[in-house]
């Protein structure tokens, strides 16, 4: 093969390999997001059933809590990117708390509702976050990373060939759920204002 054509062929294969690895990696992280979002939905609604005797009202219509998916996905990504444990341990507390604060502020500003309110708890900020839950999220993040994630990786490895066909319908489902939710809240706000 002519040398400059061979180099171009190798470069093309390298880009194709990176693109395929990037796609596979994206699919894996979205799988983690879905698993932990569903797990968060189970955790919150299970606790609500035990504590209050009924299921808690969720933001989304489907069985997912995106905050519970986003925070672990970011932490797992940082660990996979090689962030040292000296940095990762504080991030186990910071990332979920930041996700919770941004989510709470965004939901409140968009819909003028609170799905949780820490106003009565000590060391809280705007009712969206508080020190007690920051500690809880940190411990749950550590459990997630050390105990749950190895099993989730094995589950992904087992389901990867099927997941590659389901990932785009799953993305569409999440987007449709978000669109239906936002539309229903807007409709409810219009009816309340009428």
Protein backbone atom coordinates (compact mmCIF):
# COMPACT_ATOMS: atom_id res chain seq x y z
CA UNK A 1 0.00 0.00 0.00
CA UNK A 2 1.24 3.54 -0.76
CA UNK A 3 2.58 5.06 2.53
CA UNK A 4 0.41 8.22 2.60
CA UNK A 5 -2.72 6.16 1.78
CA UNK A 6 -1.81 3.71 4.52
CA UNK A 7 -1.46 6.57 7.04
CA UNK A 8 -4.84 7.97 5.97
CA UNK A 9 -6.39 4.51 6.34
CA UNK A 10 -4.93 4.10 9.85
CA UNK A 11 -6.12 7.59 10.83
CA UNK A 12 -9.62 6.84 9.49
CA UNK A 13 -9.70 3.57 11.47
CA UNK A 14 -8.54 5.40 14.61
CA UNK A 15 -11.36 7.97 14.29
CA UNK A 16 -13.90 5.24 13.57
CA UNK A 17 -12.64 3.26 16.60
CA UNK A 18 -12.85 6.37 18.83
CA UNK A 19 -16.34 7.18 17.53
CA UNK A 20 -17.52 3.62 18.22
CA UNK A 21 -15.93 3.65 21.67
CA UNK A 22 -17.52 7.06 22.33
CA UNK A 23 -20.93 5.72 21.26
CA UNK A 24 -20.53 2.60 23.40
CA UNK A 25 -19.38 4.75 26.31
CA UNK A 26 -22.33 7.13 25.88
CA UNK A 27 -24.70 4.15 25.81
CA UNK A 28 -23.16 2.75 29.00
CA UNK A 29 -23.46 6.07 30.85
CA UNK A 30 -27.06 6.49 29.72
CA UNK A 31 -27.73 2.94 30.94
CA UNK A 32 -26.30 3.90 34.34
CA UNK A 33 -28.45 7.05 34.30
CA UNK A 34 -31.61 5.01 33.63
CA UNK A 35 -30.81 2.35 36.24
CA UNK A 36 -30.08 4.90 38.97
CA UNK A 37 -33.05 7.09 37.97
CA UNK A 38 -35.32 4.08 38.32
CA UNK A 39 -33.59 3.07 41.56
CA UNK A 40 -34.13 6.59 42.94
CA UNK A 41 -37.80 6.38 42.04
CA UNK A 42 -38.05 3.04 43.89
CA UNK A 43 -36.13 4.41 46.89
CA UNK A 44 -38.20 7.58 47.27
CA UNK A 45 -41.57 5.97 46.66
CA UNK A 46 -40.74 2.99 48.89
CA UNK A 47 -39.74 5.36 51.70
CA UNK A 48 -42.91 7.40 51.13
CA UNK A 49 -45.10 4.29 51.26
CA UNK A 50 -43.47 3.17 54.51
CA UNK A 51 -43.45 6.63 56.09
CA UNK A 52 -46.74 8.10 54.84
CA UNK A 53 -48.72 5.15 53.51
CA UNK A 54 -48.92 6.50 49.95
CA UNK A 55 -46.73 7.08 46.93
CA UNK A 56 -45.01 10.45 46.67
CA UNK A 57 -45.95 12.76 43.81
CA UNK A 58 -43.12 12.79 41.31
CA UNK A 59 -42.15 15.43 38.79
CA UNK A 60 -42.06 13.03 35.84
CA UNK A 61 -44.99 10.77 34.98
CA UNK A 62 -42.79 7.72 34.38
CA UNK A 63 -40.92 5.73 37.04
CA UNK A 64 -37.72 7.79 36.98
CA UNK A 65 -36.04 10.37 39.21
CA UNK A 66 -33.43 12.03 36.97
CA UNK A 67 -31.54 13.61 39.90
CA UNK A 68 -30.78 10.11 41.18
CA UNK A 69 -29.48 9.20 37.73
CA UNK A 70 -27.48 12.33 36.99
CA UNK A 71 -25.40 12.54 40.17
CA UNK A 72 -24.13 8.91 40.05
CA UNK A 73 -23.50 9.19 36.30
CA UNK A 74 -21.29 12.27 36.85
CA UNK A 75 -19.43 10.62 39.74
CA UNK A 76 -18.88 7.41 37.77
CA UNK A 77 -17.67 9.44 34.79
CA UNK A 78 -15.19 11.32 37.01
CA UNK A 79 -13.92 8.07 38.51
CA UNK A 80 -13.59 6.51 35.04
CA UNK A 81 -11.73 9.64 33.88
CA UNK A 82 -9.10 8.93 36.53
CA UNK A 83 -9.98 11.48 39.20
CA UNK A 84 -8.07 10.47 42.33
CA UNK A 85 -9.84 9.40 45.52
CA UNK A 86 -8.48 12.52 47.24
CA UNK A 87 -10.71 14.57 44.91
CA UNK A 88 -13.43 12.01 44.43
CA UNK A 89 -14.39 11.69 48.12
CA UNK A 90 -15.38 15.36 48.50
CA UNK A 91 -17.12 15.17 45.11
CA UNK A 92 -19.30 12.34 46.47
CA UNK A 93 -20.90 15.01 48.66
CA UNK A 94 -20.62 18.01 46.35
CA UNK A 95 -21.99 16.57 43.08
CA UNK A 96 -25.32 15.21 44.42
CA UNK A 97 -25.83 18.37 46.50
CA UNK A 98 -25.16 20.59 43.47
CA UNK A 99 -27.54 18.50 41.34
CA UNK A 100 -30.19 18.73 44.07
CA UNK A 101 -29.78 22.51 44.44
CA UNK A 102 -29.89 23.25 40.70
CA UNK A 103 -32.86 20.88 40.24
CA UNK A 104 -34.78 22.39 43.16
CA UNK A 105 -34.13 25.97 42.07
CA UNK A 106 -34.98 25.20 38.44
CA UNK A 107 -38.21 23.38 39.30
CA UNK A 108 -39.25 26.15 41.69
CA UNK A 109 -38.49 28.92 39.19
CA UNK A 110 -40.23 27.14 36.30
CA UNK A 111 -43.27 25.69 38.08
CA UNK A 112 -43.47 27.64 41.38
CA UNK A 113 -43.62 24.36 43.31
CA UNK A 114 -41.34 22.43 45.59
CA UNK A 115 -41.05 18.67 45.36
CA UNK A 116 -38.96 18.75 48.55
CA UNK A 117 -38.44 21.47 51.12
CA UNK A 118 -35.67 21.58 53.71
CA UNK A 119 -36.69 25.01 55.05
CA UNK A 120 -37.30 23.69 58.59
CA UNK A 121 -33.96 21.85 58.78
CA UNK A 122 -30.72 23.37 60.10
CA UNK A 123 -28.00 24.57 57.72
CA UNK A 124 -30.22 24.69 54.65
CA UNK A 125 -30.02 26.96 51.61
CA UNK A 126 -33.29 28.23 50.10
CA UNK A 127 -35.01 25.01 51.16
CA UNK A 128 -33.32 23.18 48.26
CA UNK A 129 -30.35 21.65 50.09
CA UNK A 130 -29.25 21.10 53.67
CA UNK A 131 -26.23 19.68 55.45
CA UNK A 132 -28.06 16.58 56.72
CA UNK A 133 -29.01 15.51 53.19
CA UNK A 134 -25.58 16.42 51.85
CA UNK A 135 -24.18 13.84 54.31
CA UNK A 136 -26.83 11.30 53.26
CA UNK A 137 -26.08 11.85 49.54
CA UNK A 138 -22.37 11.44 50.19
CA UNK A 139 -22.84 8.11 51.96
CA UNK A 140 -25.30 6.92 49.29
CA UNK A 141 -22.82 7.97 46.57
CA UNK A 142 -20.05 5.96 48.23
CA UNK A 143 -22.35 2.92 48.47
CA UNK A 144 -23.35 3.44 44.86
CA UNK A 145 -19.73 3.60 43.67
CA UNK A 146 -18.31 0.74 45.74
CA UNK A 147 -21.27 -1.65 46.16
CA UNK A 148 -23.87 -1.05 43.44
CA UNK A 149 -21.84 0.05 40.43
CA UNK A 150 -19.89 -3.22 39.98
CA UNK A 151 -23.25 -5.03 39.69
CA UNK A 152 -24.64 -2.36 37.35
CA UNK A 153 -21.56 -2.78 35.14
CA UNK A 154 -22.13 -6.54 35.04
CA UNK A 155 -25.80 -5.92 34.20
CA UNK A 156 -24.77 -3.57 31.40
CA UNK A 157 -22.23 -6.07 30.04
CA UNK A 158 -24.96 -8.72 30.00
CA UNK A 159 -27.54 -6.42 28.36
CA UNK A 160 -25.25 -4.32 26.10
CA UNK A 161 -26.19 -6.02 22.83
CA UNK A 162 -29.91 -5.49 23.49
CA UNK A 163 -29.38 -2.06 25.05
CA UNK A 164 -27.74 -0.82 21.84
CA UNK A 165 -31.19 -1.20 20.20
CA UNK A 166 -33.12 0.18 23.19
CA UNK A 167 -31.01 3.24 24.01
CA UNK A 168 -32.57 5.59 21.46
CA UNK A 169 -36.16 4.58 22.30
CA UNK A 170 -35.22 5.07 25.98
CA UNK A 171 -33.95 8.59 25.22
CA UNK A 172 -37.15 9.32 23.30
CA UNK A 173 -39.23 7.96 26.18
CA UNK A 174 -37.47 10.25 28.68
CA UNK A 175 -37.89 13.27 26.40
CA UNK A 176 -41.57 12.44 25.80
CA UNK A 177 -42.13 12.01 29.55
CA UNK A 178 -40.52 15.40 30.16
CA UNK A 179 -42.61 17.05 27.42
CA UNK A 180 -45.88 15.54 28.74
CA UNK A 181 -44.99 16.57 32.31
CA UNK A 182 -44.14 20.16 31.38
CA UNK A 183 -47.27 20.43 29.24
CA UNK A 184 -49.50 19.15 32.05
CA UNK A 185 -47.98 21.61 34.55
CA UNK A 186 -48.41 24.51 32.13
CA UNK A 187 -52.00 23.48 31.49
CA UNK A 188 -52.61 23.23 35.24
CA UNK A 189 -51.08 26.70 35.76
CA UNK A 190 -53.31 28.17 33.02
CA UNK A 191 -56.41 26.57 34.57
CA UNK A 192 -55.46 27.81 38.04
CA UNK A 193 -54.95 31.33 36.68
CA UNK A 194 -58.26 31.32 34.78
